[in-house]
Amino acid sequence: MYITRHQPPASPRGPDFDALVAEAGLWRGVATDMFGDDDVEAGAKALWAKSMRSEYRLTERFVARDGSGSPLGVGSLSTPRRENLHLAEMGIVVDPRFRRRGIGSALYDEMTAAARAHGRRTFQSFTWEPLEPAGERSLKGVQGDGALDPDGPSARFLLGRGFRLIQIETMSGLDVPSSEELDAAASAARAATPADYEVLTWRGATPDELLSDMALLHVAMSSDVPMGDADVEPAQVDPKRVLDGDNAFLAAGLDLLFAAVRHVPSGRLVAFTRLIREPDRAVAGQWETLVLRDHRGHGLGMLAKTHNHAVLPAVWPQVRRLITGNASENEHMLAINRRLGYRPIAASGWFELRTDA
């Protein structure tokens, strides 16, 4: 076995794109084995879109290969370059046929050394977990009531290296209702919201006139959502970074649907939500939903979500299911999702290791 290191390819046709294809394929296999389908996992183009903006975040991939060059496992190492310069995010997936042979450990050692060379001292990693702990023991995060099995293979791997569990995320799925049901939900949310707020929706890149407001919303998203006691700093987001992010997904062939809420008296955006769809998939991701603190309590999260959902049948008629994730302690957003028909399907563990150097 030997390990190759790959920089982000310039395009989905770049020479290193095979590393992303291998990673996506292995993770989809993990999801299918655990949950019965791969709805929660991203494809190679989505991975590329999230890793192509190297001025904000460098994502390198490490591929463990056999003598013929075939991938046995893949590790991704992501190091922020604007904020959180102390932090490295790591993910490791190994082909089930070759597990328990030291491949994951070799990838971990290689990536840890690379992260330390970048000056990183805090390491974070995510795992997929069954909705309910399968073993005799359970482990809870710093906050919330979610739990996982500490003896599961992924958790055991990280805990054995000194990581601690800081949060459990609940993954939920929604079978997309009929157009009539979606429109009715949007109308009900509109009727329950003060007239001082209006909804804007758009597809694709954020319009220029909204970029400054969206930048502020993304900063709030990085600091106001529950994160346990993770060693994370707020993001430094400006209008260019917002547009660069949108364009990265579009360049990969993904599609974006936004709904934002504007406070009419001030003319500023105060809430938003986003849906992301990979090409040729019948499942889409319900990503961020955020309401600024000063405007909470008016039903704006429900207003934004229902209006974005109502657009689905016209623009993405192929989409049959939505997937979203929320911190187990985020009771308010979980309650909104339950009212919309989302049901828990899986869990994810967020682990962290802090070191002195």
Protein backbone atom coordinates (compact mmCIF):
# COMPACT_ATOMS: atom_id res chain seq x y z
CA MET A 1 0.00 0.00 0.00
CA TYR A 2 1.11 3.55 -0.69
CA ILE A 3 -0.55 6.96 -0.22
CA THR A 4 -0.83 9.69 -2.84
CA ARG A 5 -1.62 13.33 -2.04
CA HIS A 6 -3.90 15.34 -4.30
CA GLN A 7 -4.53 19.07 -4.58
CA PRO A 8 -8.03 20.30 -5.62
CA PRO A 9 -8.45 19.74 -9.38
CA ALA A 10 -9.10 22.81 -11.48
CA SER A 11 -12.26 21.26 -12.94
CA PRO A 12 -14.32 18.06 -12.76
CA ARG A 13 -12.27 16.96 -15.76
CA GLY A 14 -8.95 17.57 -14.00
CA PRO A 15 -6.40 14.77 -13.56
CA ASP A 16 -6.97 14.53 -9.78
CA PHE A 17 -10.77 14.30 -9.99
CA ASP A 18 -10.58 10.52 -9.65
CA ALA A 19 -9.75 11.03 -5.96
CA LEU A 20 -13.12 12.76 -5.45
CA VAL A 21 -14.93 10.04 -7.41
CA ALA A 22 -13.35 7.39 -5.19
CA GLU A 23 -14.17 9.31 -2.01
CA ALA A 24 -17.80 9.93 -2.99
CA GLY A 25 -18.29 6.31 -4.00
CA LEU A 26 -16.90 4.97 -0.74
CA TRP A 27 -19.00 7.33 1.39
CA ARG A 28 -22.15 6.49 -0.54
CA GLY A 29 -21.43 2.84 0.17
CA VAL A 30 -21.15 3.62 3.89
CA ALA A 31 -24.49 5.45 3.83
CA THR A 32 -26.25 2.71 1.89
CA ASP A 33 -24.99 0.00 4.23
CA MET A 34 -26.10 1.97 7.29
CA PHE A 35 -29.35 3.62 6.15
CA GLY A 36 -30.51 1.65 3.11
CA ASP A 37 -29.85 4.44 0.59
CA ASP A 38 -27.26 7.12 -0.13
CA ASP A 39 -29.55 10.14 0.14
CA VAL A 40 -27.49 11.74 2.92
CA GLU A 41 -24.24 11.63 0.95
CA ALA A 42 -22.86 14.05 -1.62
CA GLY A 43 -21.55 13.15 -5.05
CA ALA A 44 -18.12 13.90 -6.47
CA LYS A 45 -19.19 17.17 -8.12
CA ALA A 46 -20.58 18.48 -4.84
CA LEU A 47 -17.32 17.57 -3.10
CA TRP A 48 -15.43 19.42 -5.81
CA ALA A 49 -17.65 22.51 -5.47
CA LYS A 50 -17.01 22.68 -1.72
CA SER A 51 -13.24 22.31 -2.14
CA MET A 52 -12.44 24.39 -5.23
CA ARG A 53 -12.23 27.80 -3.50
CA SER A 54 -8.70 27.38 -2.20
CA GLU A 55 -8.36 31.08 -1.29
CA TYR A 56 -10.85 30.42 1.53
CA ARG A 57 -10.22 26.76 2.33
CA LEU A 58 -7.65 24.26 1.09
CA THR A 59 -8.99 20.72 0.78
CA GLU A 60 -6.40 18.08 -0.01
CA ARG A 61 -7.11 14.40 -0.53
CA PHE A 62 -4.97 11.47 0.45
CA VAL A 63 -5.63 8.20 -1.36
CA ALA A 64 -4.39 4.85 -0.07
CA ARG A 65 -3.72 2.59 -3.06
CA ASP A 66 -2.77 -1.00 -3.66
CA GLY A 67 0.10 -2.05 -5.90
CA SER A 68 -1.99 -1.57 -9.04
CA GLY A 69 -3.02 1.95 -8.06
CA SER A 70 -6.62 1.09 -7.15
CA PRO A 71 -7.98 3.12 -4.19
CA LEU A 72 -8.39 1.32 -0.88
CA GLY A 73 -9.39 4.37 1.17
CA VAL A 74 -9.54 8.15 0.93
CA GLY A 75 -8.90 10.88 3.46
CA SER A 76 -9.83 14.54 3.06
CA LEU A 77 -8.02 17.30 4.94
CA SER A 78 -9.61 20.75 4.94
CA THR A 79 -7.78 23.77 6.37
CA PRO A 80 -9.53 27.17 6.49
CA ARG A 81 -7.43 30.07 5.19
CA ARG A 82 -9.35 33.20 6.28
CA GLU A 83 -10.47 32.32 9.81
CA ASN A 84 -9.93 29.34 12.11
CA LEU A 85 -6.28 29.13 11.16
CA HIS A 86 -5.79 26.76 14.09
CA LEU A 87 -8.29 24.24 12.73
CA ALA A 88 -8.19 21.20 10.44
CA GLU A 89 -11.21 19.14 9.40
CA MET A 90 -10.60 15.48 8.57
CA GLY A 91 -12.59 12.69 7.02
CA ILE A 92 -11.49 9.10 6.37
CA VAL A 93 -13.34 6.34 4.53
CA VAL A 94 -11.98 2.86 3.74
CA ASP A 95 -13.31 0.24 1.36
CA PRO A 96 -15.17 -2.33 3.54
CA ARG A 97 -13.21 -5.18 1.91
CA PHE A 98 -9.94 -3.78 3.27
CA ARG A 99 -10.83 -2.51 6.72
CA ARG A 100 -8.92 -3.43 9.89
CA ARG A 101 -5.66 -3.57 7.97
CA GLY A 102 -4.23 -0.26 9.19
CA ILE A 103 -5.32 1.77 6.14
CA GLY A 104 -7.39 4.25 8.13
CA SER A 105 -4.60 4.65 10.66
CA ALA A 106 -2.06 5.28 7.91
CA LEU A 107 -4.28 7.93 6.33
CA TYR A 108 -4.88 9.55 9.71
CA ASP A 109 -1.16 9.74 10.48
CA GLU A 110 -0.39 11.18 7.06
CA MET A 111 -3.11 13.84 7.30
CA THR A 112 -2.27 14.76 10.88
CA ALA A 113 1.33 15.40 9.89
CA ALA A 114 0.19 17.52 6.96
CA ALA A 115 -2.20 19.50 9.18
CA ARG A 116 0.54 20.19 11.72
CA ALA A 117 2.75 21.38 8.88
CA HIS A 118 -0.02 23.91 8.15
CA GLY A 119 0.19 25.02 11.79
CA ARG A 120 -3.08 23.39 12.88
CA ARG A 121 -3.63 22.29 16.47
CA THR A 122 -7.39 21.53 16.62
CA PHE A 123 -8.75 18.62 14.60
CA GLN A 124 -12.41 17.92 13.84
CA SER A 125 -14.17 15.02 12.15
CA PHE A 126 -17.72 13.87 11.42
CA THR A 127 -19.16 10.36 11.44
CA TRP A 128 -22.36 8.76 10.19
CA GLU A 129 -24.31 7.01 12.91
CA PRO A 130 -27.58 5.04 13.24
CA LEU A 131 -30.48 7.15 14.47
CA GLU A 132 -30.41 5.24 17.76
CA PRO A 133 -27.25 3.77 19.38
CA ALA A 134 -27.02 0.11 18.44
CA GLY A 135 -24.75 -1.06 21.27
CA GLU A 136 -25.13 -1.47 25.01
CA ARG A 137 -23.43 1.85 25.75
CA SER A 138 -24.25 5.37 24.57
CA LEU A 139 -22.34 8.64 24.43
CA LYS A 140 -23.85 12.12 24.44
CA GLY A 141 -22.43 15.36 23.10
CA VAL A 142 -21.73 18.48 25.13
CA GLN A 143 -25.33 19.69 24.66
CA GLY A 144 -28.62 18.21 23.47
CA ASP A 145 -30.12 14.78 23.98
CA GLY A 146 -28.65 13.00 20.93
CA ALA A 147 -26.46 9.96 21.54
CA LEU A 148 -24.31 7.48 19.63
CA ASP A 149 -22.63 4.14 20.23
CA PRO A 150 -19.05 4.76 21.42
CA ASP A 151 -18.15 1.22 20.38
CA GLY A 152 -19.16 1.76 16.76
CA PRO A 153 -16.19 1.59 14.36
CA SER A 154 -15.98 5.29 13.49
CA ALA A 155 -16.50 6.56 17.04
CA ARG A 156 -14.07 3.99 18.44
CA PHE A 157 -11.44 5.07 15.90
CA LEU A 158 -11.68 8.73 16.91
CA LEU A 159 -12.16 8.26 20.64
CA GLY A 160 -9.11 6.01 20.70
CA ARG A 161 -7.05 8.89 19.34
CA GLY A 162 -8.19 11.37 21.96
CA PHE A 163 -11.13 12.98 20.19
CA ARG A 164 -14.25 13.85 22.18
CA LEU A 165 -17.83 14.06 21.02
CA ILE A 166 -19.06 17.66 20.96
CA GLN A 167 -22.38 17.35 19.14
CA ILE A 168 -24.90 14.98 17.61
CA GLU A 169 -26.70 16.10 14.47
CA THR A 170 -30.08 14.67 13.58
CA MET A 171 -30.56 14.02 9.86
CA SER A 172 -34.14 14.21 8.63
CA GLY A 173 -35.87 13.43 5.35
CA LEU A 174 -39.02 14.79 3.71
CA ASP A 175 -40.94 13.07 0.93
CA VAL A 176 -41.91 16.11 -1.15
CA PRO A 177 -45.67 16.76 -0.81
CA SER A 178 -47.97 17.74 -3.65
CA SER A 179 -47.95 21.24 -5.13
CA GLU A 180 -51.26 21.94 -3.44
CA GLU A 181 -49.91 20.98 -0.02
CA LEU A 182 -46.76 23.02 -0.51
CA ASP A 183 -48.71 26.09 -1.62
CA ALA A 184 -51.09 25.73 1.32
CA ALA A 185 -48.18 25.59 3.78
CA ALA A 186 -46.62 28.70 2.23
CA SER A 187 -49.93 30.56 2.38
CA ALA A 188 -50.45 29.60 6.03
CA ALA A 189 -46.94 30.78 6.93
CA ARG A 190 -47.52 34.06 5.10
CA ALA A 191 -50.81 34.64 6.96
CA ALA A 192 -49.08 34.00 10.31
CA THR A 193 -46.22 36.46 9.65
CA PRO A 194 -46.38 40.23 10.26
CA ALA A 195 -46.79 42.37 7.15
CA ASP A 196 -43.47 44.08 7.90
CA TYR A 197 -41.72 41.09 6.26
CA GLU A 198 -41.69 40.00 2.63
CA VAL A 199 -40.24 36.92 0.91
CA LEU A 200 -37.76 36.95 -1.97
CA THR A 201 -36.86 33.82 -3.93
CA TRP A 202 -34.24 33.23 -6.58
CA ARG A 203 -32.49 30.44 -8.43
CA GLY A 204 -28.75 30.28 -9.01
CA ALA A 205 -26.27 32.94 -7.91
CA THR A 206 -27.30 35.59 -5.40
CA PRO A 207 -28.22 38.88 -7.10
CA ASP A 208 -25.60 41.61 -6.71
CA GLU A 209 -27.89 43.89 -4.72
CA LEU A 210 -28.38 41.19 -2.05
CA LEU A 211 -24.77 40.11 -1.61
CA SER A 212 -23.93 42.43 1.30
CA ASP A 213 -26.96 41.31 3.30
CA MET A 214 -26.28 37.67 2.53
CA ALA A 215 -22.69 38.08 3.73
CA LEU A 216 -23.95 39.27 7.11
CA LEU A 217 -26.39 36.35 7.27
CA HIS A 218 -23.57 33.88 6.59
CA VAL A 219 -21.48 35.42 9.37
CA ALA A 220 -24.41 34.97 11.74
CA MET A 221 -24.82 31.40 10.50
CA SER A 222 -21.26 30.68 11.58
CA SER A 223 -21.74 32.05 15.10
CA ASP A 224 -25.42 31.89 16.12
CA VAL A 225 -26.30 28.25 15.49
CA PRO A 226 -25.69 25.65 18.25
CA MET A 227 -22.14 24.25 18.09
CA GLY A 228 -21.62 22.76 21.52
CA ASP A 229 -18.30 24.12 22.76
CA ALA A 230 -16.45 23.57 19.50
CA ASP A 231 -13.18 25.48 19.06
CA VAL A 232 -14.51 27.51 16.11
CA GLU A 233 -14.32 31.21 15.23
CA PRO A 234 -17.02 33.09 13.25
CA ALA A 235 -16.50 33.13 9.50
CA GLN A 236 -15.15 36.20 7.72
CA VAL A 237 -17.61 36.60 4.86
CA ASP A 238 -17.84 39.49 2.41
CA PRO A 239 -19.99 39.86 -0.75
CA LYS A 240 -17.28 38.39 -2.98
CA ARG A 241 -17.06 35.26 -0.85
CA VAL A 242 -20.84 34.79 -1.06
CA LEU A 243 -20.78 35.06 -4.84
CA ASP A 244 -17.70 32.85 -5.14
CA GLY A 245 -19.50 30.17 -3.13
CA ASP A 246 -22.60 30.29 -5.32
CA ASN A 247 -20.53 30.20 -8.51
CA ALA A 248 -18.53 27.20 -7.28
CA PHE A 249 -21.70 25.11 -7.02
CA LEU A 250 -22.94 26.34 -10.38
CA ALA A 251 -19.59 25.56 -12.02
CA ALA A 252 -19.94 21.98 -10.79
CA GLY A 253 -23.36 21.69 -12.42
CA LEU A 254 -25.32 21.95 -9.17
CA ASP A 255 -28.47 24.04 -8.83
CA LEU A 256 -29.43 26.44 -6.04
CA LEU A 257 -32.78 27.70 -4.76
CA PHE A 258 -32.90 30.50 -2.20
CA ALA A 259 -35.63 32.10 -0.16
CA ALA A 260 -34.85 35.17 1.93
CA VAL A 261 -36.99 37.37 4.14
CA ARG A 262 -36.67 41.14 3.93
CA HIS A 263 -37.66 43.48 6.74
CA VAL A 264 -39.60 46.06 4.74
CA PRO A 265 -39.08 49.11 7.03
CA SER A 266 -35.28 48.71 7.01
CA GLY A 267 -34.96 47.15 3.56
CA ARG A 268 -32.52 44.53 4.89
CA LEU A 269 -32.54 40.75 4.63
CA VAL A 270 -33.04 39.20 8.06
CA ALA A 271 -33.52 35.48 7.25
CA PHE A 272 -32.68 32.99 4.54
CA THR A 273 -32.71 29.35 3.56
CA ARG A 274 -31.13 27.40 0.71
CA LEU A 275 -31.79 24.21 -1.24
CA ILE A 276 -29.02 22.53 -3.26
CA ARG A 277 -29.44 19.82 -5.87
CA GLU A 278 -26.85 17.72 -7.62
CA PRO A 279 -27.48 16.89 -11.28
CA ASP A 280 -29.48 13.77 -12.08
CA ARG A 281 -30.48 13.10 -8.47
CA ALA A 282 -34.02 12.84 -7.14
CA VAL A 283 -32.90 14.06 -3.72
CA ALA A 284 -31.91 17.61 -2.79
CA GLY A 285 -30.30 19.09 0.30
CA GLN A 286 -32.09 21.50 2.59
CA TRP A 287 -29.07 23.44 3.74
CA GLU A 288 -28.87 26.52 5.97
CA THR A 289 -31.85 28.21 7.56
CA LEU A 290 -31.15 31.26 9.69
CA VAL A 291 -33.08 34.13 11.26
CA LEU A 292 -31.19 37.05 12.77
CA ARG A 293 -31.59 37.24 16.54
CA ASP A 294 -33.43 40.58 16.56
CA HIS A 295 -36.11 39.20 14.23
CA ARG A 296 -36.80 35.84 15.81
CA GLY A 297 -40.22 34.92 17.14
CA HIS A 298 -42.15 36.03 14.04
CA GLY A 299 -42.23 32.74 12.13
CA LEU A 300 -39.62 33.84 9.59
CA GLY A 301 -37.88 30.46 9.45
CA MET A 302 -41.16 28.78 8.57
CA LEU A 303 -41.96 31.55 6.09
CA ALA A 304 -38.66 31.15 4.23
CA LYS A 305 -38.73 27.35 4.18
CA THR A 306 -42.33 26.96 3.04
CA HIS A 307 -41.86 29.44 0.20
CA ASN A 308 -38.67 27.75 -0.98
CA HIS A 309 -40.37 24.34 -0.83
CA ALA A 310 -43.33 25.68 -2.80
CA VAL A 311 -41.03 26.47 -5.75
CA LEU A 312 -39.85 22.86 -6.04
CA PRO A 313 -42.52 21.31 -8.32
CA ALA A 314 -42.01 23.97 -10.99
CA VAL A 315 -38.21 24.13 -11.06
CA TRP A 316 -37.15 20.67 -9.84
CA PRO A 317 -40.00 18.31 -10.73
CA GLN A 318 -37.63 15.33 -10.50
CA VAL A 319 -36.90 15.89 -6.80
CA ARG A 320 -38.86 13.50 -4.62
CA ARG A 321 -37.04 13.88 -1.30
CA LEU A 322 -35.28 16.55 0.77
CA ILE A 323 -32.56 15.87 3.35
CA THR A 324 -31.56 18.22 6.17
CA GLY A 325 -29.49 18.15 9.36
CA ASN A 326 -29.88 19.97 12.66
CA ALA A 327 -28.00 19.95 15.94
CA SER A 328 -29.88 17.76 18.39
CA GLU A 329 -30.12 20.73 20.76
CA ASN A 330 -31.65 23.00 18.08
CA GLU A 331 -35.17 22.24 19.27
CA HIS A 332 -36.75 25.22 17.50
CA MET A 333 -35.57 24.26 14.01
CA LEU A 334 -36.27 20.57 14.62
CA ALA A 335 -39.83 21.52 15.58
CA ILE A 336 -40.23 23.53 12.36
CA ASN A 337 -39.01 20.59 10.33
CA ARG A 338 -41.43 18.20 12.08
CA ARG A 339 -44.32 20.55 11.27
CA LEU A 340 -43.23 20.49 7.62
CA GLY A 341 -43.22 16.68 7.60
CA TYR A 342 -39.51 15.92 7.98
CA ARG A 343 -38.79 12.70 9.89
CA PRO A 344 -35.49 11.62 11.53
CA ILE A 345 -33.58 9.09 9.44
CA ALA A 346 -29.96 9.14 10.66
CA ALA A 347 -27.47 10.79 12.98
CA SER A 348 -24.04 12.30 12.63
CA GLY A 349 -21.35 12.76 15.28
CA TRP A 350 -19.10 15.82 15.44
CA PHE A 351 -15.78 15.04 17.15
CA GLU A 352 -12.93 17.31 18.16
CA LEU A 353 -9.33 16.91 19.33
CA ARG A 354 -7.49 19.90 20.80
CA THR A 355 -3.71 19.76 21.07
CA ASP A 356 -1.05 22.17 22.29
CA ALA A 357 0.86 22.19 19.04
